Amino acid sequence: MKLNEVLGMQEEFWKEKARVNWHKDGDKNTKYFHTLAKIKNTNKLITSIKVGEITLKEPNDIAEHIANYFKNLFSY
């Protein structure tokens, strides 16, 4: 019984410490991860795609071509 109480107190201590650290450093971490996500998103952006001799540059044309490609691929 006493062991469970002490373990509960220890768990509560670590939860409170994590909250304090989040309040203290949370904004720094959030800004860092959002910046990292923006960089990854920018690097993975498809701006053009070549289909045979034609180069598609309009986002709607690219999206339509990709959707049609996979519809044809999986429609057996």
N, C-alpha and C. Protein backbone atom coordinates (compact mmCIF):
# COMPACT_ATOMS: atom_id res chain seq x y z
N MET A 1 0.83 -1.19 0.00
CA MET A 1 0.00 0.00 0.00
C MET A 1 0.87 1.24 0.00
N LYS A 2 1.86 1.29 0.86
CA LYS A 2 2.75 2.44 0.96
C LYS A 2 3.56 2.60 -0.34
N LEU A 3 3.99 1.48 -0.92
CA LEU A 3 4.76 1.51 -2.17
C LEU A 3 3.94 2.15 -3.29
N ASN A 4 2.67 1.77 -3.40
CA ASN A 4 1.81 2.35 -4.43
C ASN A 4 1.64 3.86 -4.25
N GLU A 5 1.54 4.31 -3.01
CA GLU A 5 1.40 5.74 -2.74
C GLU A 5 2.66 6.49 -3.16
N VAL A 6 3.82 5.93 -2.81
CA VAL A 6 5.08 6.57 -3.16
C VAL A 6 5.27 6.58 -4.67
N LEU A 7 4.94 5.48 -5.34
CA LEU A 7 5.05 5.43 -6.80
C LEU A 7 4.10 6.43 -7.46
N GLY A 8 2.92 6.60 -6.91
CA GLY A 8 1.98 7.60 -7.42
C GLY A 8 2.51 9.01 -7.24
N MET A 9 3.12 9.27 -6.09
CA MET A 9 3.72 10.58 -5.85
C MET A 9 4.87 10.85 -6.82
N GLN A 10 5.67 9.83 -7.06
CA GLN A 10 6.79 9.97 -7.99
C GLN A 10 6.29 10.25 -9.40
N GLU A 11 5.26 9.55 -9.82
CA GLU A 11 4.68 9.77 -11.15
C GLU A 11 4.14 11.19 -11.27
N GLU A 12 3.46 11.65 -10.24
CA GLU A 12 2.92 13.01 -10.24
C GLU A 12 4.04 14.05 -10.30
N PHE A 13 5.13 13.79 -9.59
CA PHE A 13 6.29 14.68 -9.64
C PHE A 13 6.82 14.82 -11.06
N TRP A 14 6.97 13.70 -11.77
CA TRP A 14 7.52 13.76 -13.12
C TRP A 14 6.56 14.42 -14.09
N LYS A 15 5.25 14.25 -13.88
CA LYS A 15 4.26 14.94 -14.71
C LYS A 15 4.36 16.44 -14.54
N GLU A 16 4.46 16.89 -13.29
CA GLU A 16 4.57 18.32 -13.01
C GLU A 16 5.86 18.89 -13.58
N LYS A 17 6.95 18.14 -13.46
CA LYS A 17 8.23 18.60 -14.00
C LYS A 17 8.15 18.72 -15.53
N ALA A 18 7.49 17.77 -16.18
CA ALA A 18 7.33 17.84 -17.63
C ALA A 18 6.51 19.07 -18.02
N ARG A 19 5.45 19.37 -17.25
CA ARG A 19 4.63 20.56 -17.53
C ARG A 19 5.45 21.83 -17.39
N VAL A 20 6.26 21.90 -16.35
CA VAL A 20 7.11 23.09 -16.13
C VAL A 20 8.08 23.24 -17.30
N ASN A 21 8.71 22.15 -17.70
CA ASN A 21 9.64 22.21 -18.83
C ASN A 21 8.92 22.63 -20.10
N TRP A 22 7.71 22.14 -20.30
CA TRP A 22 6.97 22.52 -21.50
C TRP A 22 6.66 24.01 -21.49
N HIS A 23 6.24 24.53 -20.35
CA HIS A 23 5.94 25.96 -20.26
C HIS A 23 7.19 26.80 -20.47
N LYS A 24 8.30 26.30 -19.98
CA LYS A 24 9.56 27.03 -20.09
C LYS A 24 10.14 26.93 -21.51
N ASP A 25 10.18 25.74 -22.10
CA ASP A 25 10.84 25.51 -23.38
C ASP A 25 9.88 25.19 -24.51
N GLY A 26 8.60 25.10 -24.23
CA GLY A 26 7.64 24.63 -25.23
C GLY A 26 7.62 25.45 -26.49
N ASP A 27 7.62 26.78 -26.38
CA ASP A 27 7.56 27.62 -27.56
C ASP A 27 8.78 27.44 -28.44
N LYS A 28 9.93 27.28 -27.83
CA LYS A 28 11.16 27.07 -28.60
C LYS A 28 11.04 25.77 -29.40
N ASN A 29 10.60 24.72 -28.73
CA ASN A 29 10.48 23.43 -29.40
C ASN A 29 9.43 23.48 -30.51
N THR A 30 8.30 24.12 -30.24
CA THR A 30 7.23 24.20 -31.23
C THR A 30 7.70 24.94 -32.47
N LYS A 31 8.37 26.07 -32.28
CA LYS A 31 8.87 26.85 -33.42
C LYS A 31 9.86 26.01 -34.23
N TYR A 32 10.73 25.29 -33.55
CA TYR A 32 11.72 24.45 -34.23
C TYR A 32 11.03 23.39 -35.08
N PHE A 33 10.07 22.66 -34.52
CA PHE A 33 9.42 21.58 -35.24
C PHE A 33 8.55 22.10 -36.38
N HIS A 34 7.90 23.25 -36.20
CA HIS A 34 7.11 23.82 -37.28
C HIS A 34 8.01 24.27 -38.43
N THR A 35 9.16 24.84 -38.11
CA THR A 35 10.12 25.22 -39.14
C THR A 35 10.61 24.00 -39.89
N LEU A 36 10.92 22.95 -39.18
CA LEU A 36 11.37 21.71 -39.79
C LEU A 36 10.29 21.14 -40.71
N ALA A 37 9.04 21.16 -40.28
CA ALA A 37 7.94 20.65 -41.09
C ALA A 37 7.75 21.49 -42.35
N LYS A 38 7.88 22.81 -42.24
CA LYS A 38 7.76 23.67 -43.42
C LYS A 38 8.85 23.38 -44.43
N ILE A 39 10.08 23.16 -43.95
CA ILE A 39 11.19 22.85 -44.85
C ILE A 39 10.94 21.54 -45.56
N LYS A 40 10.51 20.52 -44.84
CA LYS A 40 10.22 19.22 -45.46
C LYS A 40 9.09 19.35 -46.48
N ASN A 41 8.06 20.09 -46.14
CA ASN A 41 6.93 20.27 -47.04
C ASN A 41 7.35 20.98 -48.32
N THR A 42 8.20 21.98 -48.21
CA THR A 42 8.68 22.72 -49.38
C THR A 42 9.52 21.83 -50.27
N ASN A 43 10.36 21.00 -49.69
CA ASN A 43 11.23 20.14 -50.48
C ASN A 43 10.46 19.04 -51.19
N LYS A 44 9.32 18.65 -50.70
CA LYS A 44 8.57 17.55 -51.29
C LYS A 44 7.45 18.03 -52.22
N LEU A 45 7.40 19.30 -52.50
CA LEU A 45 6.36 19.87 -53.33
C LEU A 45 6.62 19.53 -54.80
N ILE A 46 5.62 19.03 -55.50
CA ILE A 46 5.74 18.73 -56.93
C ILE A 46 5.30 19.97 -57.70
N THR A 47 6.23 20.57 -58.44
CA THR A 47 5.91 21.78 -59.20
C THR A 47 5.68 21.50 -60.67
N SER A 48 6.22 20.38 -61.16
CA SER A 48 5.97 19.98 -62.55
C SER A 48 6.19 18.49 -62.68
N ILE A 49 5.58 17.91 -63.72
CA ILE A 49 5.73 16.49 -63.97
C ILE A 49 5.69 16.28 -65.49
N LYS A 50 6.58 15.42 -65.96
CA LYS A 50 6.65 15.17 -67.40
C LYS A 50 5.91 13.89 -67.72
N VAL A 51 4.97 13.99 -68.67
CA VAL A 51 4.17 12.85 -69.11
C VAL A 51 4.46 12.68 -70.59
N GLY A 52 5.31 11.73 -70.91
CA GLY A 52 5.72 11.57 -72.31
C GLY A 52 6.50 12.80 -72.74
N GLU A 53 6.02 13.48 -73.76
CA GLU A 53 6.66 14.70 -74.25
C GLU A 53 6.06 15.97 -73.65
N ILE A 54 4.97 15.82 -72.87
CA ILE A 54 4.26 16.97 -72.31
C ILE A 54 4.71 17.19 -70.86
N THR A 55 4.93 18.45 -70.50
CA THR A 55 5.26 18.81 -69.13
C THR A 55 4.07 19.52 -68.50
N LEU A 56 3.53 18.92 -67.44
CA LEU A 56 2.41 19.53 -66.73
C LEU A 56 2.95 20.44 -65.63
N LYS A 57 2.47 21.69 -65.61
CA LYS A 57 2.94 22.64 -64.60
C LYS A 57 1.82 23.17 -63.72
N GLU A 58 0.59 23.07 -64.17
CA GLU A 58 -0.55 23.54 -63.38
C GLU A 58 -0.87 22.54 -62.27
N PRO A 59 -1.04 23.00 -61.05
CA PRO A 59 -1.32 22.08 -59.93
C PRO A 59 -2.55 21.19 -60.17
N ASN A 60 -3.60 21.74 -60.78
CA ASN A 60 -4.80 20.93 -61.05
C ASN A 60 -4.50 19.83 -62.07
N ASP A 61 -3.72 20.14 -63.09
CA ASP A 61 -3.36 19.13 -64.10
C ASP A 61 -2.50 18.03 -63.49
N ILE A 62 -1.56 18.42 -62.63
CA ILE A 62 -0.70 17.44 -61.96
C ILE A 62 -1.54 16.53 -61.07
N ALA A 63 -2.42 17.13 -60.27
CA ALA A 63 -3.27 16.35 -59.37
C ALA A 63 -4.17 15.40 -60.14
N GLU A 64 -4.74 15.87 -61.24
CA GLU A 64 -5.63 15.03 -62.05
C GLU A 64 -4.86 13.87 -62.67
N HIS A 65 -3.66 14.14 -63.18
CA HIS A 65 -2.85 13.08 -63.79
C HIS A 65 -2.49 12.01 -62.75
N ILE A 66 -2.07 12.45 -61.56
CA ILE A 66 -1.69 11.49 -60.52
C ILE A 66 -2.90 10.66 -60.08
N ALA A 67 -4.04 11.30 -59.89
CA ALA A 67 -5.26 10.58 -59.49
C ALA A 67 -5.66 9.57 -60.55
N ASN A 68 -5.63 9.98 -61.81
CA ASN A 68 -5.98 9.06 -62.90
C ASN A 68 -5.00 7.90 -62.99
N TYR A 69 -3.73 8.18 -62.79
CA TYR A 69 -2.71 7.13 -62.84
C TYR A 69 -3.02 6.03 -61.83
N PHE A 70 -3.30 6.44 -60.59
CA PHE A 70 -3.56 5.44 -59.56
C PHE A 70 -4.93 4.78 -59.71
N LYS A 71 -5.91 5.51 -60.23
CA LYS A 71 -7.21 4.88 -60.51
C LYS A 71 -7.05 3.78 -61.55
N ASN A 72 -6.29 4.06 -62.60
CA ASN A 72 -6.04 3.05 -63.65
C ASN A 72 -5.21 1.90 -63.11
N LEU A 73 -4.26 2.21 -62.26
CA LEU A 73 -3.38 1.19 -61.71
C LEU A 73 -4.15 0.19 -60.83
N PHE A 74 -5.10 0.68 -60.05
CA PHE A 74 -5.79 -0.18 -59.09
C PHE A 74 -7.22 -0.56 -59.51
N SER A 75 -7.60 -0.32 -60.73
CA SER A 75 -8.97 -0.63 -61.14
C SER A 75 -9.03 -1.87 -62.01
N TYR A 76 -8.67 -2.99 -61.45
CA TYR A 76 -8.78 -4.26 -62.17
C TYR A 76 -9.90 -5.07 -61.62
